């Protein structure tokens, strides 16, 4: 495989959570070598019915689109990516849509939800959030949730969780866990970013940290390629290149995101709003990470891993 054929893996991006969302926006990730893109189908405000409706809409729209397809096994992803196509799966950013029913883990998995994080910013029945003043860690239900996810083959994700809860995820999960879209607190002190200890414990499970391209997580609303790469560099130095990937958290619905910030101060307090309108690294800029890593002298194997190989390795180990 030549360098032009490196596969790209985007572990977390956000389509508008509406029933008229245009899935063709995902084509902004089109590139030689194809791409896998995991999109969100619900977070803390959403009910089970909401998330099931979004999954249904996205699935039907993607299946009807000539340039997109649903692919939730490694074999399907490899086949699609080798043909320069874009393939899509789903994730949940909170355990709320399970409505306390662990059997829904399997149901959502069968519908294409390949990863889930227990708590979004604030504590819930599963565990603590990153904005909680006190994070008491995973609850008994949260530990049962992790065990069920391990059984089903769903990736355990610590993004948006509190520090203690994230460390508990690393300790409890019997499979590699991930931070799908979390920047490095050692480089920029934001509550949504993960500590060095969290990063090391995630790596100790065999997991991967997906660096996001959200301005307020990279710096003081610094949505630039250099800021993105700086967090990649930091994570690589801290835990090794085999534990670093990309989860840009790009929101195709930036206007809706801003409206959500204003309407939900409990979920998005001053840590989110102090810099004004949140800036995002655009998909076209995220795709430039490949060239930038090469330019900075990263070895070919490392470039492949960060661009997509590392998340592919973990998915191949965990998914069933």
Protein backbone atom coordinates (compact mmCIF):
# COMPACT_ATOMS: atom_id res chain seq x y z
CA UNK A 1 0.00 0.00 0.00
CA UNK A 2 1.41 3.40 -0.97
CA UNK A 3 1.20 6.46 1.30
CA UNK A 4 -1.70 7.78 -0.82
CA UNK A 5 -3.73 4.75 0.28
CA UNK A 6 -3.66 5.36 4.03
CA UNK A 7 -7.15 4.77 5.42
CA UNK A 8 -8.84 7.46 7.52
CA UNK A 9 -10.89 6.77 10.66
CA UNK A 10 -12.98 9.57 12.22
CA UNK A 11 -14.14 8.25 15.59
CA UNK A 12 -16.68 10.99 16.34
CA UNK A 13 -18.55 13.59 14.30
CA UNK A 14 -22.00 15.13 14.69
CA UNK A 15 -24.79 15.39 12.14
CA UNK A 16 -27.80 17.50 13.11
CA UNK A 17 -29.96 15.47 15.46
CA UNK A 18 -33.12 16.06 13.47
CA UNK A 19 -35.26 13.87 11.25
CA UNK A 20 -34.44 15.95 8.18
CA UNK A 21 -30.65 15.97 8.58
CA UNK A 22 -28.72 15.84 5.31
CA UNK A 23 -26.28 12.94 5.51
CA UNK A 24 -24.48 14.10 2.36
CA UNK A 25 -22.50 16.45 4.61
CA UNK A 26 -20.38 13.40 5.47
CA UNK A 27 -18.95 13.59 1.96
CA UNK A 28 -16.72 16.37 3.19
CA UNK A 29 -14.51 13.52 4.45
CA UNK A 30 -14.05 12.16 0.92
CA UNK A 31 -10.40 11.43 0.13
CA UNK A 32 -8.17 8.91 -1.69
CA UNK A 33 -8.07 5.81 0.48
CA UNK A 34 -11.63 6.19 1.75
CA UNK A 35 -12.89 7.00 5.21
CA UNK A 36 -14.79 5.55 8.14
CA UNK A 37 -16.92 8.11 9.99
CA UNK A 38 -18.72 7.44 13.27
CA UNK A 39 -21.62 9.86 13.88
CA UNK A 40 -23.54 10.63 17.03
CA UNK A 41 -27.17 9.48 17.39
CA UNK A 42 -27.98 10.95 20.79
CA UNK A 43 -26.70 12.43 24.03
CA UNK A 44 -27.99 13.45 27.47
CA UNK A 45 -31.22 15.27 26.46
CA UNK A 46 -32.42 12.45 24.23
CA UNK A 47 -34.80 9.63 25.02
CA UNK A 48 -34.63 6.08 23.75
CA UNK A 49 -37.28 6.94 21.18
CA UNK A 50 -35.31 9.99 20.01
CA UNK A 51 -32.14 7.97 19.39
CA UNK A 52 -33.97 5.14 17.67
CA UNK A 53 -35.61 7.69 15.38
CA UNK A 54 -32.27 9.29 14.49
CA UNK A 55 -30.75 5.88 13.78
CA UNK A 56 -33.67 5.01 11.51
CA UNK A 57 -33.43 8.30 9.61
CA UNK A 58 -29.64 8.20 9.24
CA UNK A 59 -29.63 4.53 8.21
CA UNK A 60 -32.30 4.95 5.55
CA UNK A 61 -30.69 8.13 4.22
CA UNK A 62 -27.21 6.61 4.07
CA UNK A 63 -28.46 3.43 2.40
CA UNK A 64 -30.24 5.55 -0.21
CA UNK A 65 -27.16 7.67 -0.91
CA UNK A 66 -25.00 6.48 -3.84
CA UNK A 67 -21.73 7.60 -2.24
CA UNK A 68 -22.30 6.44 1.35
CA UNK A 69 -22.93 3.15 3.07
CA UNK A 70 -23.43 1.66 6.49
CA UNK A 71 -20.56 -0.63 7.45
CA UNK A 72 -20.22 -1.92 11.00
CA UNK A 73 -17.83 -4.85 10.69
CA UNK A 74 -14.11 -4.60 10.07
CA UNK A 75 -14.47 -6.61 6.86
CA UNK A 76 -17.11 -4.24 5.51
CA UNK A 77 -15.02 -1.22 6.46
CA UNK A 78 -11.87 -2.61 4.82
CA UNK A 79 -13.76 -3.45 1.63
CA UNK A 80 -15.33 -0.01 1.40
CA UNK A 81 -12.19 1.92 2.28
CA UNK A 82 -10.13 0.03 -0.28
CA UNK A 83 -12.62 1.29 -2.87
CA UNK A 84 -12.22 4.93 -1.77
CA UNK A 85 -15.75 4.98 -0.36
CA UNK A 86 -17.06 6.52 2.87
CA UNK A 87 -18.64 4.20 5.40
CA UNK A 88 -20.60 5.17 8.49
CA UNK A 89 -21.49 3.77 11.91
CA UNK A 90 -22.99 5.32 15.05
CA UNK A 91 -22.20 6.22 18.66
CA UNK A 92 -24.13 7.35 21.73
CA UNK A 93 -22.80 10.17 23.92
CA UNK A 94 -24.72 9.20 27.02
CA UNK A 95 -26.30 6.11 28.57
CA UNK A 96 -29.60 7.96 29.04
CA UNK A 97 -31.13 6.57 25.81
CA UNK A 98 -30.82 3.08 27.33
CA UNK A 99 -33.48 4.18 29.86
CA UNK A 100 -31.85 1.94 32.47
CA UNK A 101 -32.36 -1.23 30.40
CA UNK A 102 -29.07 -3.05 29.83
CA UNK A 103 -30.69 -5.22 27.17
CA UNK A 104 -30.80 -2.08 25.01
CA UNK A 105 -27.01 -2.24 24.70
CA UNK A 106 -27.41 -5.22 22.38
CA UNK A 107 -30.34 -3.64 20.57
CA UNK A 108 -28.40 -0.46 19.84
CA UNK A 109 -25.31 -2.45 18.88
CA UNK A 110 -27.30 -4.41 16.32
CA UNK A 111 -28.54 -1.11 14.89
CA UNK A 112 -24.97 0.07 14.31
CA UNK A 113 -24.07 1.82 17.58
CA UNK A 114 -20.46 0.72 18.04
CA UNK A 115 -19.46 2.84 21.06
CA UNK A 116 -21.12 4.51 24.05
CA UNK A 117 -20.00 6.80 26.86
CA UNK A 118 -21.79 6.48 30.22
CA UNK A 119 -22.23 10.14 31.23
CA UNK A 120 -22.31 13.40 29.29
CA UNK A 121 -20.74 16.28 31.26
CA UNK A 122 -22.92 15.77 34.36
CA UNK A 123 -23.43 12.75 36.60
CA UNK A 124 -26.24 10.29 35.93
CA UNK A 125 -27.23 6.76 36.94
CA UNK A 126 -24.01 5.34 35.45
CA UNK A 127 -21.35 7.70 36.74
CA UNK A 128 -19.89 11.17 37.04
CA UNK A 129 -19.46 13.83 34.39
CA UNK A 130 -16.48 16.04 33.64
CA UNK A 131 -18.31 19.16 34.87
CA UNK A 132 -19.35 17.71 38.23
CA UNK A 133 -17.78 19.42 41.26
CA UNK A 134 -17.44 15.96 42.80
CA UNK A 135 -17.08 12.85 40.66
CA UNK A 136 -17.72 9.73 42.74
CA UNK A 137 -16.94 7.40 39.82
CA UNK A 138 -18.86 4.59 38.21
CA UNK A 139 -21.98 3.46 40.04
CA UNK A 140 -22.98 -0.18 40.44
CA UNK A 141 -25.23 0.28 37.41
CA UNK A 142 -22.32 1.86 35.53
CA UNK A 143 -20.14 -1.15 36.25
CA UNK A 144 -22.88 -3.47 35.05
CA UNK A 145 -23.17 -1.32 31.93
CA UNK A 146 -19.47 -1.71 31.18
CA UNK A 147 -19.69 -5.48 31.63
CA UNK A 148 -22.64 -5.66 29.25
CA UNK A 149 -20.83 -3.54 26.68
CA UNK A 150 -17.85 -5.90 26.91
CA UNK A 151 -20.16 -8.87 26.38
CA UNK A 152 -21.88 -7.30 23.37
CA UNK A 153 -18.71 -5.93 21.78
CA UNK A 154 -19.46 -2.22 22.11
CA UNK A 155 -16.53 0.12 22.70
CA UNK A 156 -16.43 1.70 26.17
CA UNK A 157 -15.85 5.45 25.77
CA UNK A 158 -14.70 7.81 28.53
CA UNK A 159 -15.16 11.16 26.76
CA UNK A 160 -17.33 13.65 28.67
CA UNK A 161 -17.05 11.50 31.82
CA UNK A 162 -15.46 12.74 35.03
CA UNK A 163 -11.83 11.95 35.80
CA UNK A 164 -12.67 9.35 38.48
CA UNK A 165 -15.31 7.77 36.25
CA UNK A 166 -12.87 7.61 33.35
CA UNK A 167 -10.27 5.90 35.51
CA UNK A 168 -12.94 3.45 36.72
CA UNK A 169 -13.78 2.63 33.10
CA UNK A 170 -10.14 1.68 32.49
CA UNK A 171 -10.12 -0.48 35.61
CA UNK A 172 -13.46 -2.23 35.04
CA UNK A 173 -13.43 -2.83 31.30
CA UNK A 174 -12.02 -6.20 30.28
CA UNK A 175 -11.52 -4.88 26.76
CA UNK A 176 -9.58 -1.86 25.49
CA UNK A 177 -11.47 1.36 26.20
CA UNK A 178 -11.27 4.63 24.29
CA UNK A 179 -11.62 8.36 24.62
CA UNK A 180 -13.34 8.98 21.30
CA UNK A 181 -12.93 12.76 21.34
CA UNK A 182 -10.86 14.14 24.23
CA UNK A 183 -7.94 16.56 24.14
CA UNK A 184 -5.07 16.68 26.63
CA UNK A 185 -5.50 18.61 29.89
CA UNK A 186 -1.74 18.68 30.41
CA UNK A 187 -1.53 20.94 27.36
CA UNK A 188 -4.74 22.97 27.85
CA UNK A 189 -6.51 22.99 31.19
CA UNK A 190 -10.15 22.51 30.27
CA UNK A 191 -12.59 20.39 32.26
CA UNK A 192 -13.53 18.41 29.16
CA UNK A 193 -9.95 17.37 28.51
CA UNK A 194 -8.42 14.26 30.06
CA UNK A 195 -5.57 14.12 32.55
CA UNK A 196 -2.25 12.43 31.90
CA UNK A 197 -3.30 9.70 34.31
CA UNK A 198 -6.50 9.04 32.36
CA UNK A 199 -4.51 8.85 29.14
CA UNK A 200 -1.99 6.42 30.60
CA UNK A 201 -4.66 4.16 32.07
CA UNK A 202 -6.57 4.13 28.77
CA UNK A 203 -3.36 3.15 26.97
CA UNK A 204 -2.73 0.44 29.55
CA UNK A 205 -5.99 -1.24 28.45
CA UNK A 206 -4.72 -1.19 24.87
CA UNK A 207 -7.04 1.67 24.05
CA UNK A 208 -6.87 4.82 21.93
CA UNK A 209 -7.40 8.54 22.55
CA UNK A 210 -9.14 10.40 19.74
CA UNK A 211 -7.98 14.01 19.60
CA UNK A 212 -10.79 16.48 18.82
CA UNK A 213 -10.75 19.62 16.68
CA UNK A 214 -12.93 21.79 18.93
CA UNK A 215 -11.39 25.20 19.54
CA UNK A 216 -12.21 25.47 23.24
CA UNK A 217 -10.66 22.07 23.95
CA UNK A 218 -7.46 22.78 21.99
CA UNK A 219 -6.86 26.25 23.48
CA UNK A 220 -8.72 29.54 23.90
CA UNK A 221 -11.07 28.70 21.00
CA UNK A 222 -8.07 27.81 18.86
CA UNK A 223 -9.50 25.75 15.99
CA UNK A 224 -6.35 25.47 13.91
CA UNK A 225 -4.38 22.63 12.39
CA UNK A 226 -1.34 23.55 14.49
CA UNK A 227 -3.36 23.38 17.72
CA UNK A 228 -4.82 20.02 16.66
CA UNK A 229 -1.36 18.63 15.92
CA UNK A 230 0.01 19.99 19.22
CA UNK A 231 -2.41 17.78 21.16
CA UNK A 232 -1.53 14.81 18.95
CA UNK A 233 2.16 15.44 19.61
CA UNK A 234 1.56 15.67 23.37
CA UNK A 235 -0.44 12.44 23.45
CA UNK A 236 2.12 10.60 21.33
CA UNK A 237 4.92 11.68 23.66
CA UNK A 238 2.89 10.70 26.73
CA UNK A 239 1.44 7.29 25.81
CA UNK A 240 3.03 6.29 22.51
CA UNK A 241 1.78 6.68 18.92
CA UNK A 242 -0.13 3.39 18.94
CA UNK A 243 -2.64 4.89 21.40
CA UNK A 244 -3.53 8.06 19.50
CA UNK A 245 -6.16 8.70 16.83
CA UNK A 246 -8.64 11.27 15.54
CA UNK A 247 -12.10 12.02 16.89
CA UNK A 248 -12.60 15.57 15.65
CA UNK A 249 -16.07 16.11 17.16
CA UNK A 250 -16.90 18.27 14.15
CA UNK A 251 -20.49 19.49 14.23
CA UNK A 252 -22.16 19.85 10.87
CA UNK A 253 -24.89 21.69 12.76
CA UNK A 254 -22.82 24.49 14.28
CA UNK A 255 -25.82 26.84 14.52
CA UNK A 256 -27.82 24.19 16.37
CA UNK A 257 -24.87 23.59 18.69
CA UNK A 258 -24.74 27.26 19.58
CA UNK A 259 -28.50 27.25 20.25
CA UNK A 260 -28.07 24.18 22.49
CA UNK A 261 -25.34 25.96 24.45
CA UNK A 262 -27.65 28.84 25.15
CA UNK A 263 -30.68 26.68 25.94
CA UNK A 264 -28.89 24.19 28.25
CA UNK A 265 -26.61 26.06 30.68
CA UNK A 266 -26.65 23.01 32.97
CA UNK A 267 -24.93 20.93 30.26
CA UNK A 268 -22.85 23.77 28.85
CA UNK A 269 -21.83 26.22 31.59
CA UNK A 270 -19.13 28.88 31.53
CA UNK A 271 -16.45 26.34 30.56
CA UNK A 272 -18.15 26.21 27.16
CA UNK A 273 -19.35 29.77 26.69
CA UNK A 274 -16.58 32.07 27.93
CA UNK A 275 -14.95 32.38 24.47
CA UNK A 276 -18.14 33.13 22.52
CA UNK A 277 -19.19 31.10 19.49
CA UNK A 278 -17.29 27.79 19.48
CA UNK A 279 -14.96 27.27 16.54
CA UNK A 280 -14.37 23.85 14.96
CA UNK A 281 -11.60 22.44 12.76
CA UNK A 282 -13.37 21.76 9.46
CA UNK A 283 -13.23 18.23 7.95
CA UNK A 284 -11.13 19.49 5.06
CA UNK A 285 -8.53 20.74 7.56
CA UNK A 286 -8.72 17.56 9.66
CA UNK A 287 -7.80 15.60 6.55
CA UNK A 288 -4.60 17.68 6.31
CA UNK A 289 -3.32 16.02 9.49
CA UNK A 290 -1.97 13.21 7.31
CA UNK A 291 0.26 15.56 5.32
CA UNK A 292 1.30 17.48 8.42
CA UNK A 293 2.41 14.35 10.28
CA UNK A 294 4.50 13.29 7.28
CA UNK A 295 6.01 16.78 7.01
CA UNK A 296 6.97 16.66 10.69
CA UNK A 297 8.87 13.43 10.19
CA UNK A 298 6.49 10.93 11.74
CA UNK A 299 7.32 7.39 10.52
CA UNK A 300 4.97 5.82 8.00
CA UNK A 301 3.68 3.22 10.46
CA UNK A 302 2.89 5.95 12.98
CA UNK A 303 1.06 8.08 10.41
CA UNK A 304 -1.07 5.08 9.43
CA UNK A 305 -1.87 4.35 13.05
CA UNK A 306 -2.89 7.87 14.03
CA UNK A 307 -4.85 8.39 10.83
CA UNK A 308 -6.93 5.28 11.39
CA UNK A 309 -5.02 2.10 12.08
CA UNK A 310 -5.06 2.44 15.86
CA UNK A 311 -8.84 2.76 16.16
CA UNK A 312 -9.22 -0.03 13.59
CA UNK A 313 -7.03 -2.30 15.74
CA UNK A 314 -9.13 -1.70 18.84
CA UNK A 315 -12.41 -2.13 16.98
CA UNK A 316 -11.18 -5.40 15.50
CA UNK A 317 -10.40 -6.63 19.00
CA UNK A 318 -13.64 -5.49 20.67
CA UNK A 319 -16.45 -5.68 18.11
CA UNK A 320 -18.31 -8.96 17.74
